[in-house]
Amino acid sequence: MLTKIPKQFYFFLAVLFILNLIQSSFTQLIFDEAYYWYYSQNMAWGYFDHPPMVALLVKISSFFFSGELGVRFMSCVLSAVNIILLWLMIDNPKKNEYIKHFFVLVFSMTLLNAYGFFTLPDTPLLFFTSCFLLTYKHFLKKPNFGIAIVMGIFMAALMYSKYHAVLVIFFVLLSNLKLTTNKYAWLAVAVALFCYLPHFYWLYENDFVSIKYHLYERPNGAYSFEKYTVGFFVNLVAIFGLTFPFIYKALFKTKGNDLFNKALIYLTYGVLIFFFVSSFNRRVQTQWIIIVCIPLVIIAFNYMLQNKQALTWIFRLGLINAVLIIYLRMGLAYQPLLFNFYYESHGNKEWAEAIEEEVGNIPVIFENSYRNAPMYSFYTHATPTFSLNNFMYRKNQYSIDDSEEQVRGKDVAYISKYANTPTFTYTREDGGLYKGRYISNFQSFRKLEAIVDENAITLNSDKAIDVKIFNPYNEDIDLKKLKFGITYMDDYKTPVQTLQITPRATQTVTTVLKQLDTTNFIFELPKTKKENIGYFRVVISENDLLYGLNGKAIPVN
């Protein structure tokens, strides 16, 4: 199969692969990449925000290279192989005459281009979407035991990449409901579920923390037509750049004359409709819809081969896209090309090394920043670092791993934007300010859990409320070190007011929270004059740190 691909194709592919390797080597990490690099330092079957595939890619990359390329190498490899997979899914016999047109089409797609070197969960999602679709194409021709097992493995790999992968599987199934009576299709599902069992078990062991976060706890705000729905349509344009009119025209003109084309059409429309509906509830991030690039490469190129006008215009506009993308990619590595614009890939090594020069080799704690903590660790090779999350932020991987244990009891540098009297500061070139101070014998207990009955609770009521405080640590915690509070939030779980409370232990003499044990208290909700209160959360401060995220958001009447 691969031997039938012309040499010209491999020439263009090699050029693109080398370009991505160079880009990977000379572009500093973006914050999400640093976060996923942090994942890879402790391999597991799951992480707070995502399944583990992105961490696996980073880990494999680190076996071959160090530095930025040690994070991105496998992304370059997957991107190159993905282009081959896309080519193999195109059956038109005339395709070998238009190889350069194919590469211009692929290269001109902005995010598909970016994920050729960035290592993010969407990188394996795109790759395994192509793997799954190509396998499904062969499955349609001749379903059998072997192809069903391979398809099941790719379905599991999709789900190990990102939870959005369920859309790929669902809409392909929806395009061919006869699969529900196909024994080989059911075998593929069984194989996928079996391969996914380790992640299911990880979710169970971690109280389904990832699912709860994505379904209930992601930051949100009041609906804005311009920001949410108009923003969704802007994203539809952004992922294709100048070629977007012809890409979508190709989609509109393509008919589902066979089951494979029907699957591509269902997948594209299904994802677009799903996130269009979602835009009435929350802002749809551009990368969420990137899945449609895979079927649309196939649809658009087949349309180009049948329509000379589309072939000409997509090629011309694609070349303009490509030139702009190359310039922007150069700017990612060398900021002065972007004038006064600073992106995440600019200046991270510099600020990390500047802080290290100030604080030396002691642990560094970043308050409310799962982004800065791993970035500092990556560029200084410093361990440990820790992101301490307070009630104005959100939980993340640092909330569930053992990073807190590595800094407790040590002298640390504590960096927080809330510091009023910092001992040291550092200003980034883009204006970002780091404010830090030193803390001796640092003590935090962010994993203390406040459990409140979630039955309807009336605001400004004098009725006592039961709360259980679970201490997961292997030491007793003196209650004198703790302060308790209530954070009131609006309907979108944005904090609006925090008031201190003094809960009363139900036992007569309680001076400590016993290790690995639960202590029962009662309290009354403090009166608030704030309006539009939708939720409250029990929060705990230890050693005069800002309150943490100890209780769930509880709805109030």
Protein backbone atom coordinates (compact mmCIF):
# COMPACT_ATOMS: atom_id res chain seq x y z
CA MET A 1 0.00 0.00 0.00
CA LEU A 2 2.72 2.48 1.00
CA THR A 3 4.91 1.50 -1.97
CA LYS A 4 2.24 2.83 -4.35
CA ILE A 5 2.66 6.35 -2.95
CA PRO A 6 4.73 8.48 -5.36
CA LYS A 7 8.20 9.68 -4.37
CA GLN A 8 7.05 13.27 -4.72
CA PHE A 9 4.63 12.69 -1.85
CA TYR A 10 7.44 11.51 0.43
CA PHE A 11 9.56 14.49 -0.59
CA PHE A 12 6.89 16.96 0.54
CA LEU A 13 6.28 14.88 3.65
CA ALA A 14 9.99 14.89 4.55
CA VAL A 15 10.18 18.68 4.12
CA LEU A 16 7.18 19.15 6.41
CA PHE A 17 8.55 16.69 8.98
CA ILE A 18 11.94 18.45 9.08
CA LEU A 19 10.20 21.84 9.36
CA ASN A 20 8.24 20.57 12.37
CA LEU A 21 11.38 19.17 13.99
CA ILE A 22 13.14 22.53 13.61
CA GLN A 23 10.08 24.39 14.90
CA SER A 24 9.87 22.06 17.89
CA SER A 25 13.52 22.61 18.78
CA PHE A 26 13.54 26.40 18.60
CA THR A 27 10.12 27.25 20.03
CA GLN A 28 9.70 27.42 23.79
CA LEU A 29 6.91 25.41 25.36
CA ILE A 30 3.44 26.84 25.75
CA PHE A 31 1.83 26.50 29.17
CA ASP A 32 -0.40 23.52 28.38
CA GLU A 33 2.58 21.62 27.00
CA ALA A 34 4.48 22.24 30.23
CA TYR A 35 1.46 20.97 32.16
CA TYR A 36 1.37 17.77 30.10
CA TRP A 37 5.12 17.41 30.49
CA TYR A 38 4.39 17.49 34.24
CA TYR A 39 1.88 14.68 33.68
CA SER A 40 4.61 12.59 32.09
CA GLN A 41 6.87 12.86 35.13
CA ASN A 42 4.50 10.52 36.95
CA MET A 43 2.88 8.18 34.46
CA ALA A 44 -0.63 7.05 35.37
CA TRP A 45 -3.78 5.74 33.71
CA GLY A 46 -5.43 9.12 34.02
CA TYR A 47 -5.00 12.73 35.08
CA PHE A 48 -7.23 15.43 36.47
CA ASP A 49 -8.08 17.08 33.15
CA HIS A 50 -7.44 14.40 30.52
CA PRO A 51 -6.79 10.74 29.78
CA PRO A 52 -3.12 9.71 29.65
CA MET A 53 -2.26 9.54 25.92
CA VAL A 54 -0.69 13.02 25.81
CA ALA A 55 1.55 12.12 28.75
CA LEU A 56 2.60 8.93 26.98
CA LEU A 57 3.62 10.91 23.88
CA VAL A 58 5.79 13.20 25.99
CA LYS A 59 7.34 10.27 27.83
CA ILE A 60 8.23 8.50 24.57
CA SER A 61 9.64 11.75 23.13
CA SER A 62 11.87 12.14 26.19
CA PHE A 63 13.55 8.81 25.42
CA PHE A 64 14.91 10.26 22.17
CA PHE A 65 15.59 13.92 22.93
CA SER A 66 15.82 16.46 25.74
CA GLY A 67 14.48 20.00 25.92
CA GLU A 68 11.50 21.10 23.84
CA LEU A 69 12.02 18.40 21.23
CA GLY A 70 11.90 15.89 24.08
CA VAL A 71 8.29 16.99 24.55
CA ARG A 72 7.28 17.34 20.90
CA PHE A 73 9.12 14.68 18.90
CA MET A 74 6.24 12.20 18.84
CA SER A 75 3.86 14.94 17.74
CA CYS A 76 6.06 15.48 14.69
CA VAL A 77 6.03 11.75 13.99
CA LEU A 78 2.27 11.37 14.42
CA SER A 79 1.63 14.41 12.25
CA ALA A 80 3.69 12.95 9.40
CA VAL A 81 2.03 9.53 9.65
CA ASN A 82 -1.38 11.22 9.86
CA ILE A 83 -0.81 12.85 6.47
CA ILE A 84 -0.10 9.40 4.98
CA LEU A 85 -3.31 8.05 6.53
CA LEU A 86 -5.32 10.91 5.06
CA TRP A 87 -3.82 10.24 1.64
CA LEU A 88 -4.70 6.54 1.87
CA MET A 89 -8.35 7.40 2.56
CA ILE A 90 -8.65 9.17 -0.80
CA ASP A 91 -9.59 6.76 -3.60
CA ASN A 92 -9.67 9.08 -6.59
CA PRO A 93 -7.23 7.69 -9.21
CA LYS A 94 -6.26 11.25 -10.28
CA LYS A 95 -4.85 12.13 -6.85
CA ASN A 96 -1.23 11.35 -7.76
CA GLU A 97 -1.31 14.24 -10.24
CA TYR A 98 -2.18 16.76 -7.51
CA ILE A 99 0.17 15.95 -4.65
CA LYS A 100 1.29 19.56 -4.17
CA HIS A 101 -2.36 20.64 -4.02
CA PHE A 102 -2.96 18.08 -1.29
CA PHE A 103 -0.06 19.34 0.82
CA VAL A 104 -1.12 22.97 0.37
CA LEU A 105 -4.62 22.00 1.55
CA VAL A 106 -3.30 20.24 4.65
CA PHE A 107 -0.65 22.83 5.48
CA SER A 108 -3.12 25.72 5.09
CA MET A 109 -5.37 24.45 7.90
CA THR A 110 -4.23 26.52 10.85
CA LEU A 111 -4.73 24.20 13.80
CA LEU A 112 -3.92 21.05 11.84
CA ASN A 113 -0.66 22.84 11.06
CA ALA A 114 -0.03 23.83 14.68
CA TYR A 115 -0.66 20.33 15.98
CA GLY A 116 2.09 19.16 13.65
CA PHE A 117 4.52 20.11 16.43
CA PHE A 118 2.64 21.20 19.56
CA THR A 119 2.01 18.34 21.99
CA LEU A 120 -1.55 18.65 23.25
CA PRO A 121 -4.38 16.12 23.72
CA ASP A 122 -5.74 17.05 20.29
CA THR A 123 -2.51 15.81 18.69
CA PRO A 124 -3.21 12.10 19.32
CA LEU A 125 -6.94 12.77 18.91
CA LEU A 126 -6.36 13.82 15.29
CA PHE A 127 -4.00 10.93 14.62
CA PHE A 128 -6.24 8.22 16.04
CA THR A 129 -9.29 9.72 14.34
CA SER A 130 -7.50 9.05 11.05
CA CYS A 131 -6.49 5.56 12.23
CA PHE A 132 -10.06 4.78 13.19
CA LEU A 133 -11.56 6.11 9.96
CA LEU A 134 -9.09 4.27 7.73
CA THR A 135 -9.74 1.04 9.63
CA TYR A 136 -13.48 1.64 9.40
CA LYS A 137 -13.10 2.11 5.64
CA HIS A 138 -11.53 -1.35 5.38
CA PHE A 139 -14.10 -2.76 7.82
CA LEU A 140 -16.89 -1.68 5.48
CA LYS A 141 -15.28 -3.58 2.60
CA LYS A 142 -14.64 -6.81 4.48
CA PRO A 143 -15.54 -7.07 8.16
CA ASN A 144 -13.66 -9.82 9.92
CA PHE A 145 -12.19 -10.81 13.27
CA GLY A 146 -8.80 -9.15 12.74
CA ILE A 147 -10.04 -5.80 11.47
CA ALA A 148 -12.60 -5.65 14.30
CA ILE A 149 -9.84 -6.05 16.90
CA VAL A 150 -7.72 -3.34 15.26
CA MET A 151 -10.70 -0.99 15.08
CA GLY A 152 -11.47 -1.62 18.75
CA ILE A 153 -7.87 -0.78 19.71
CA PHE A 154 -8.06 2.49 17.78
CA MET A 155 -11.40 3.34 19.41
CA ALA A 156 -9.76 2.88 22.81
CA ALA A 157 -6.75 4.94 21.71
CA LEU A 158 -9.13 7.71 20.67
CA MET A 159 -10.72 7.72 24.12
CA TYR A 160 -7.30 7.63 25.78
CA SER A 161 -6.49 10.81 23.83
CA LYS A 162 -9.40 13.05 24.78
CA TYR A 163 -12.96 12.57 26.00
CA HIS A 164 -14.27 14.43 22.93
CA ALA A 165 -13.36 11.29 21.01
CA VAL A 166 -16.73 9.85 21.96
CA LEU A 167 -18.20 12.19 19.33
CA VAL A 168 -16.12 10.57 16.60
CA ILE A 169 -17.27 7.08 17.53
CA PHE A 170 -20.91 8.11 18.08
CA PHE A 171 -21.42 9.96 14.80
CA VAL A 172 -19.74 7.23 12.74
CA LEU A 173 -22.08 4.72 14.38
CA LEU A 174 -25.04 7.04 13.73
CA SER A 175 -24.16 7.09 10.02
CA ASN A 176 -24.55 3.31 9.82
CA LEU A 177 -27.06 1.95 12.31
CA LYS A 178 -26.78 -1.51 10.77
CA LEU A 179 -23.57 -1.80 12.77
CA THR A 180 -25.78 -2.53 15.78
CA THR A 181 -26.54 -5.93 14.26
CA ASN A 182 -22.99 -6.66 13.10
CA LYS A 183 -21.15 -9.13 15.33
CA TYR A 184 -17.76 -7.79 14.31
CA ALA A 185 -18.81 -4.25 15.25
CA TRP A 186 -19.78 -5.51 18.69
CA LEU A 187 -16.44 -7.28 18.93
CA ALA A 188 -14.71 -3.96 18.21
CA VAL A 189 -16.73 -2.29 20.99
CA ALA A 190 -15.85 -5.11 23.40
CA VAL A 191 -12.14 -4.78 22.57
CA ALA A 192 -12.32 -1.00 23.05
CA LEU A 193 -14.01 -1.33 26.43
CA PHE A 194 -11.53 -3.98 27.55
CA CYS A 195 -8.57 -1.78 26.57
CA TYR A 196 -10.17 1.16 28.36
CA LEU A 197 -10.69 -0.72 31.64
CA PRO A 198 -7.50 0.67 33.28
CA HIS A 199 -8.75 4.23 32.79
CA PHE A 200 -12.22 3.31 34.05
CA TYR A 201 -10.58 1.90 37.16
CA TRP A 202 -8.46 5.04 37.56
CA LEU A 203 -11.60 7.16 37.36
CA TYR A 204 -13.26 5.00 40.00
CA GLU A 205 -10.23 5.21 42.30
CA ASN A 206 -10.19 9.01 41.92
CA ASP A 207 -13.91 9.58 42.47
CA PHE A 208 -14.48 10.29 38.74
CA VAL A 209 -12.68 13.59 39.19
CA SER A 210 -12.14 14.17 35.45
CA ILE A 211 -15.77 13.55 34.53
CA LYS A 212 -17.04 15.75 37.34
CA TYR A 213 -14.72 18.56 36.32
CA HIS A 214 -15.68 18.57 32.64
CA LEU A 215 -19.42 18.15 33.27
CA TYR A 216 -19.97 20.30 36.33
CA GLU A 217 -16.95 22.31 37.41
CA ARG A 218 -15.44 23.92 34.30
CA PRO A 219 -15.43 27.74 34.54
CA ASN A 220 -18.36 29.36 32.79
CA GLY A 221 -20.17 32.67 32.68
CA ALA A 222 -23.40 34.32 31.66
CA TYR A 223 -24.39 33.68 28.06
CA SER A 224 -23.13 36.23 25.56
CA PHE A 225 -24.26 35.96 21.95
CA GLU A 226 -21.14 37.75 20.67
CA LYS A 227 -18.71 35.85 22.85
CA TYR A 228 -20.24 32.40 22.65
CA THR A 229 -22.30 31.86 19.50
CA VAL A 230 -20.65 34.43 17.24
CA GLY A 231 -17.34 33.20 18.63
CA PHE A 232 -18.26 29.68 17.51
CA PHE A 233 -18.72 30.86 13.91
CA VAL A 234 -15.46 32.80 14.08
CA ASN A 235 -13.77 29.53 15.05
CA LEU A 236 -15.29 27.85 11.99
CA VAL A 237 -13.48 30.39 9.85
CA ALA A 238 -10.26 30.42 11.89
CA ILE A 239 -9.49 26.71 11.55
CA PHE A 240 -9.35 27.01 7.74
CA GLY A 241 -8.28 30.59 7.14
CA LEU A 242 -8.84 32.04 3.67
CA THR A 243 -9.92 28.71 2.15
CA PHE A 244 -12.96 28.39 4.42
CA PRO A 245 -15.65 29.27 1.79
CA PHE A 246 -14.48 26.49 -0.53
CA ILE A 247 -13.96 23.97 2.29
CA TYR A 248 -17.54 24.38 3.48
CA LYS A 249 -18.85 24.47 -0.08
CA ALA A 250 -17.17 21.11 -0.61
CA LEU A 251 -18.98 19.81 2.46
CA PHE A 252 -22.34 21.11 1.24
CA LYS A 253 -21.84 19.63 -2.23
CA THR A 254 -20.64 16.21 -1.09
CA LYS A 255 -23.24 13.46 -1.02
CA GLY A 256 -23.13 10.35 1.12
CA ASN A 257 -23.20 7.99 -1.84
CA ASP A 258 -21.38 5.28 0.11
CA LEU A 259 -21.12 4.40 3.77
CA PHE A 260 -17.62 5.84 4.19
CA ASN A 261 -18.49 9.24 2.73
CA LYS A 262 -21.67 9.15 4.76
CA ALA A 263 -19.56 8.62 7.91
CA LEU A 264 -17.35 11.60 7.02
CA ILE A 265 -20.41 13.81 6.48
CA TYR A 266 -22.15 12.66 9.67
CA LEU A 267 -18.96 13.17 11.67
CA THR A 268 -18.46 16.70 10.35
CA TYR A 269 -22.03 17.89 10.70
CA GLY A 270 -22.45 16.07 14.00
CA VAL A 271 -19.46 17.78 15.63
CA LEU A 272 -20.43 21.19 14.23
CA ILE A 273 -24.04 20.90 15.38
CA PHE A 274 -23.03 19.56 18.78
CA PHE A 275 -20.74 22.50 19.50
CA PHE A 276 -23.14 25.00 17.93
CA VAL A 277 -25.74 23.90 20.48
CA SER A 278 -23.05 24.00 23.19
CA SER A 279 -22.29 27.62 22.26
CA PHE A 280 -25.60 28.64 23.84
CA ASN A 281 -24.27 27.44 27.17
CA ARG A 282 -20.53 28.11 27.15
CA ARG A 283 -17.69 29.45 25.03
CA VAL A 284 -16.54 26.85 22.52
CA GLN A 285 -12.75 26.74 22.30
CA THR A 286 -11.31 26.59 18.82
CA GLN A 287 -9.52 23.28 19.35
CA TRP A 288 -12.76 21.56 20.38
CA ILE A 289 -13.93 21.50 16.76
CA ILE A 290 -10.57 20.55 15.27
CA ILE A 291 -11.79 16.96 14.78
CA VAL A 292 -13.66 18.11 11.66
CA CYS A 293 -10.35 18.83 9.91
CA ILE A 294 -9.79 15.11 9.37
CA PRO A 295 -12.99 14.33 7.42
CA LEU A 296 -12.88 17.73 5.71
CA VAL A 297 -9.40 17.12 4.29
CA ILE A 298 -10.78 14.05 2.54
CA ILE A 299 -14.04 15.72 1.51
CA ALA A 300 -12.36 18.91 0.28
CA PHE A 301 -9.60 17.15 -1.67
CA ASN A 302 -12.05 14.82 -3.39
CA TYR A 303 -14.12 17.88 -4.29
CA MET A 304 -11.01 19.65 -5.63
CA LEU A 305 -10.31 16.71 -7.91
CA GLN A 306 -13.80 16.97 -9.34
CA ASN A 307 -14.06 20.76 -9.55
CA LYS A 308 -11.35 22.76 -11.32
CA GLN A 309 -12.50 26.07 -9.88
CA ALA A 310 -12.27 24.75 -6.33
CA LEU A 311 -8.90 23.19 -7.14
CA THR A 312 -7.54 26.51 -8.38
CA TRP A 313 -8.91 28.70 -5.61
CA ILE A 314 -8.11 26.41 -2.69
CA PHE A 315 -4.58 26.09 -4.03
CA ARG A 316 -4.15 29.86 -4.43
CA LEU A 317 -5.72 30.83 -1.12
CA GLY A 318 -4.00 27.91 0.56
CA LEU A 319 -0.63 29.25 -0.57
CA ILE A 320 -1.45 32.63 1.00
CA ASN A 321 -2.50 30.82 4.18
CA ALA A 322 0.75 28.87 4.09
CA VAL A 323 2.90 32.00 3.77
CA LEU A 324 1.09 33.66 6.68
CA ILE A 325 1.37 30.49 8.77
CA ILE A 326 5.11 30.17 8.09
CA TYR A 327 5.62 33.77 9.17
CA LEU A 328 3.57 33.23 12.35
CA ARG A 329 5.46 30.03 13.08
CA MET A 330 8.72 31.95 12.82
CA GLY A 331 7.21 34.48 15.23
CA LEU A 332 6.44 31.72 17.72
CA ALA A 333 10.17 31.07 17.98
CA TYR A 334 11.40 34.65 17.55
CA GLN A 335 9.06 37.18 19.17
CA PRO A 336 10.36 40.42 17.52
CA LEU A 337 8.77 39.26 14.25
CA LEU A 338 5.38 39.72 15.95
CA PHE A 339 6.19 43.30 17.03
CA ASN A 340 4.30 44.02 20.28
CA PHE A 341 2.43 40.72 20.40
CA TYR A 342 3.57 38.14 22.94
CA TYR A 343 2.41 34.54 22.82
CA GLU A 344 2.73 31.79 25.43
CA SER A 345 5.90 30.53 23.78
CA HIS A 346 7.77 33.77 24.48
CA GLY A 347 9.97 34.47 27.48
CA ASN A 348 9.21 31.44 29.63
CA LYS A 349 12.79 30.24 29.90
CA GLU A 350 13.92 33.77 30.79
CA TRP A 351 11.47 34.34 33.65
CA ALA A 352 12.05 30.85 35.05
CA GLU A 353 15.81 31.29 35.11
CA ALA A 354 15.47 34.79 36.62
CA ILE A 355 13.38 33.45 39.50
CA GLU A 356 15.77 30.54 40.02
CA GLU A 357 18.66 32.99 40.21
CA GLU A 358 16.77 34.87 42.93
CA VAL A 359 15.56 31.94 45.06
CA GLY A 360 18.27 29.35 44.49
CA ASN A 361 17.43 25.66 44.69
CA ILE A 362 14.59 25.80 47.22
CA PRO A 363 11.10 24.59 46.22
CA VAL A 364 8.89 27.17 44.52
CA ILE A 365 5.13 27.34 45.10
CA PHE A 366 2.91 29.19 42.62
CA GLU A 367 -0.49 30.18 43.93
CA ASN A 368 -3.33 29.53 41.49
CA SER A 369 -1.11 28.55 38.58
CA TYR A 370 -0.92 25.01 37.27
CA ARG A 371 0.66 26.72 34.25
CA ASN A 372 3.63 28.46 35.87
CA ALA A 373 4.57 25.63 38.24
CA PRO A 374 5.43 23.04 35.55
CA MET A 375 6.94 25.68 33.25
CA TYR A 376 9.35 26.72 36.01
CA SER A 377 10.21 23.09 36.72
CA PHE A 378 10.81 22.32 33.04
CA TYR A 379 13.21 25.19 32.38
CA THR A 380 15.11 25.05 35.67
CA HIS A 381 15.03 21.27 36.20
CA ALA A 382 13.91 22.17 39.70
CA THR A 383 11.90 19.78 41.80
CA PRO A 384 9.67 20.04 43.56
CA THR A 385 7.23 22.76 42.51
CA PHE A 386 3.62 23.03 43.57
CA SER A 387 0.49 24.90 42.51
CA LEU A 388 -1.48 25.85 45.59
CA ASN A 389 -5.06 26.51 44.53
CA ASN A 390 -7.33 28.82 46.50
CA PHE A 391 -11.09 29.43 46.41
CA MET A 392 -10.78 31.90 43.52
CA TYR A 393 -9.30 29.30 41.17
CA ARG A 394 -9.98 25.68 40.28
CA LYS A 395 -8.59 22.26 41.09
CA ASN A 396 -6.10 20.57 38.76
CA GLN A 397 -3.52 17.77 38.71
CA TYR A 398 -1.67 19.34 41.64
CA SER A 399 -4.84 18.87 43.71
CA ILE A 400 -4.79 15.09 43.45
CA ASP A 401 -1.13 14.08 43.22
CA ASP A 402 1.55 14.03 45.92
CA SER A 403 3.25 17.32 45.00
CA GLU A 404 2.01 18.97 48.21
CA GLU A 405 3.83 16.34 50.26
CA GLN A 406 7.09 17.24 48.56
CA VAL A 407 7.02 20.86 49.77
CA ARG A 408 5.43 20.52 53.20
CA GLY A 409 7.80 21.30 56.04
CA LYS A 410 10.39 22.92 53.75
CA ASP A 411 11.60 26.46 53.30
CA VAL A 412 9.97 27.66 50.07
CA ALA A 413 9.63 30.61 47.74
CA TYR A 414 5.93 31.48 47.51
CA ILE A 415 4.85 33.32 44.36
CA SER A 416 1.39 34.86 44.30
CA LYS A 417 -0.33 37.78 42.59
CA TYR A 418 -2.10 38.38 45.90
CA ALA A 419 1.16 39.15 47.76
CA ASN A 420 0.91 42.66 49.25
CA THR A 421 4.47 42.93 50.55
CA PRO A 422 6.61 40.76 48.26
CA THR A 423 10.26 40.11 49.04
CA PHE A 424 11.14 39.93 45.35
CA THR A 425 9.46 40.63 42.01
CA TYR A 426 10.12 39.93 38.35
CA THR A 427 8.41 41.59 35.38
CA ARG A 428 8.11 39.69 32.12
CA GLU A 429 8.60 41.38 28.78
CA ASP A 430 4.85 41.16 28.15
CA GLY A 431 4.15 42.98 31.42
CA GLY A 432 3.29 39.96 33.54
CA LEU A 433 4.44 40.41 37.15
CA TYR A 434 5.66 37.71 39.53
CA LYS A 435 5.58 38.64 43.23
CA GLY A 436 7.23 36.36 45.74
CA ARG A 437 8.14 35.94 49.37
CA TYR A 438 9.91 33.33 51.46
CA ILE A 439 8.13 31.02 53.90
CA SER A 440 9.94 28.85 56.44
CA ASN A 441 8.56 25.41 57.31
CA PHE A 442 5.71 25.68 54.80
CA GLN A 443 2.53 23.89 55.87
CA SER A 444 -0.57 23.44 53.75
CA PHE A 445 -3.44 20.97 53.93
CA ARG A 446 -5.28 21.55 50.64
CA LYS A 447 -6.71 18.04 50.57
CA LEU A 448 -8.90 18.53 53.61
CA GLU A 449 -12.38 17.70 52.44
CA ALA A 450 -15.58 19.38 53.66
CA ILE A 451 -18.65 17.22 53.03
CA VAL A 452 -22.08 18.87 53.28
CA ASP A 453 -25.44 17.24 52.66
CA GLU A 454 -26.53 18.53 49.24
CA ASN A 455 -30.23 18.72 50.07
CA ALA A 456 -31.78 22.11 49.33
CA ILE A 457 -30.45 24.73 51.74
CA THR A 458 -32.14 28.07 52.29
CA LEU A 459 -30.04 31.23 52.20
CA ASN A 460 -29.97 33.38 55.37
CA SER A 461 -31.59 30.61 57.39
CA ASP A 462 -30.69 30.05 61.05
CA LYS A 463 -30.95 26.30 60.65
CA ALA A 464 -27.79 24.42 61.61
CA ILE A 465 -26.03 22.53 58.84
CA ASP A 466 -23.98 19.39 59.29
CA VAL A 467 -20.51 19.27 57.77
CA LYS A 468 -17.99 16.46 57.91
CA ILE A 469 -14.30 17.33 57.65
CA PHE A 470 -12.21 14.46 56.36
CA ASN A 471 -8.48 14.54 57.09
CA PRO A 472 -6.69 12.37 54.47
CA TYR A 473 -3.22 13.06 55.91
CA ASN A 474 -1.10 10.75 58.02
CA GLU A 475 -0.96 13.26 60.84
CA ASP A 476 -3.38 14.97 63.19
CA ILE A 477 -4.07 18.62 62.36
CA ASP A 478 -4.46 21.13 65.18
CA LEU A 479 -7.70 23.07 64.77
CA LYS A 480 -5.87 26.21 65.93
CA LYS A 481 -4.00 26.19 62.61
CA LEU A 482 -7.27 26.32 60.65
CA LYS A 483 -9.89 28.89 59.81
CA PHE A 484 -13.22 27.99 58.26
CA GLY A 485 -15.28 30.07 55.87
CA ILE A 486 -18.16 30.12 53.44
CA THR A 487 -17.66 31.33 49.91
CA TYR A 488 -20.85 32.50 48.25
CA MET A 489 -20.95 32.15 44.47
CA ASP A 490 -23.26 33.28 41.69
CA ASP A 491 -25.12 30.96 39.34
CA TYR A 492 -21.92 30.44 37.37
CA LYS A 493 -19.90 29.49 40.47
CA THR A 494 -17.92 32.71 40.47
CA PRO A 495 -17.02 33.75 44.07
CA VAL A 496 -18.78 36.94 45.16
CA GLN A 497 -18.21 36.97 48.94
CA THR A 498 -16.31 34.93 51.53
CA LEU A 499 -17.26 35.07 55.21
CA GLN A 500 -15.58 33.39 58.15
CA ILE A 501 -17.51 30.87 60.24
CA THR A 502 -16.83 29.02 63.47
CA PRO A 503 -18.18 25.50 63.15
CA ARG A 504 -18.92 23.63 66.36
CA ALA A 505 -17.77 20.07 66.83
CA THR A 506 -20.53 17.64 67.68
CA GLN A 507 -18.19 15.89 70.10
CA THR A 508 -17.58 17.60 73.41
CA VAL A 509 -13.80 17.93 73.24
CA THR A 510 -12.28 18.24 69.78
CA THR A 511 -8.94 19.97 69.37
CA VAL A 512 -7.57 18.20 66.30
CA LEU A 513 -8.68 16.64 63.07
CA LYS A 514 -7.53 13.06 63.52
CA GLN A 515 -5.45 11.51 60.78
CA LEU A 516 -7.30 9.50 58.14
CA ASP A 517 -10.55 10.21 59.98
CA THR A 518 -13.72 12.28 59.73
CA THR A 519 -14.78 14.87 62.30
CA ASN A 520 -18.39 16.09 62.51
CA PHE A 521 -19.28 19.78 62.91
CA ILE A 522 -22.35 21.98 62.66
CA PHE A 523 -22.55 25.59 61.50
CA GLU A 524 -25.01 28.24 60.38
CA LEU A 525 -24.70 29.97 57.05
CA PRO A 526 -23.50 33.53 57.70
CA LYS A 527 -25.88 36.29 56.59
CA THR A 528 -25.13 37.89 53.26
CA LYS A 529 -26.57 40.95 51.57
CA LYS A 530 -25.22 39.93 48.20
CA GLU A 531 -27.84 39.20 45.57
CA ASN A 532 -28.07 36.44 42.98
CA ILE A 533 -26.37 33.84 45.14
CA GLY A 534 -26.59 30.42 43.52
CA TYR A 535 -24.08 28.30 45.46
CA PHE A 536 -21.92 28.20 48.53
CA ARG A 537 -18.78 26.27 49.33
CA VAL A 538 -17.16 25.41 52.67
CA VAL A 539 -13.55 26.57 52.53
CA ILE A 540 -10.62 26.12 54.89
CA SER A 541 -7.56 28.27 55.46
CA GLU A 542 -4.45 26.80 57.04
CA ASN A 543 -1.71 28.88 58.64
CA ASP A 544 -3.21 32.14 57.29
CA LEU A 545 -3.07 31.08 53.65
CA LEU A 546 -6.00 32.10 51.47
CA TYR A 547 -8.98 29.74 51.73
CA GLY A 548 -8.79 26.56 49.66
CA LEU A 549 -11.28 24.54 47.60
CA ASN A 550 -12.34 22.08 50.26
CA GLY A 551 -16.07 21.62 49.73
CA LYS A 552 -18.25 21.10 46.69
CA ALA A 553 -20.40 23.91 45.34
CA ILE A 554 -23.76 23.44 47.10
CA PRO A 555 -26.89 25.01 45.54
CA VAL A 556 -29.00 27.25 47.77
CA ASN A 557 -32.62 28.38 47.58
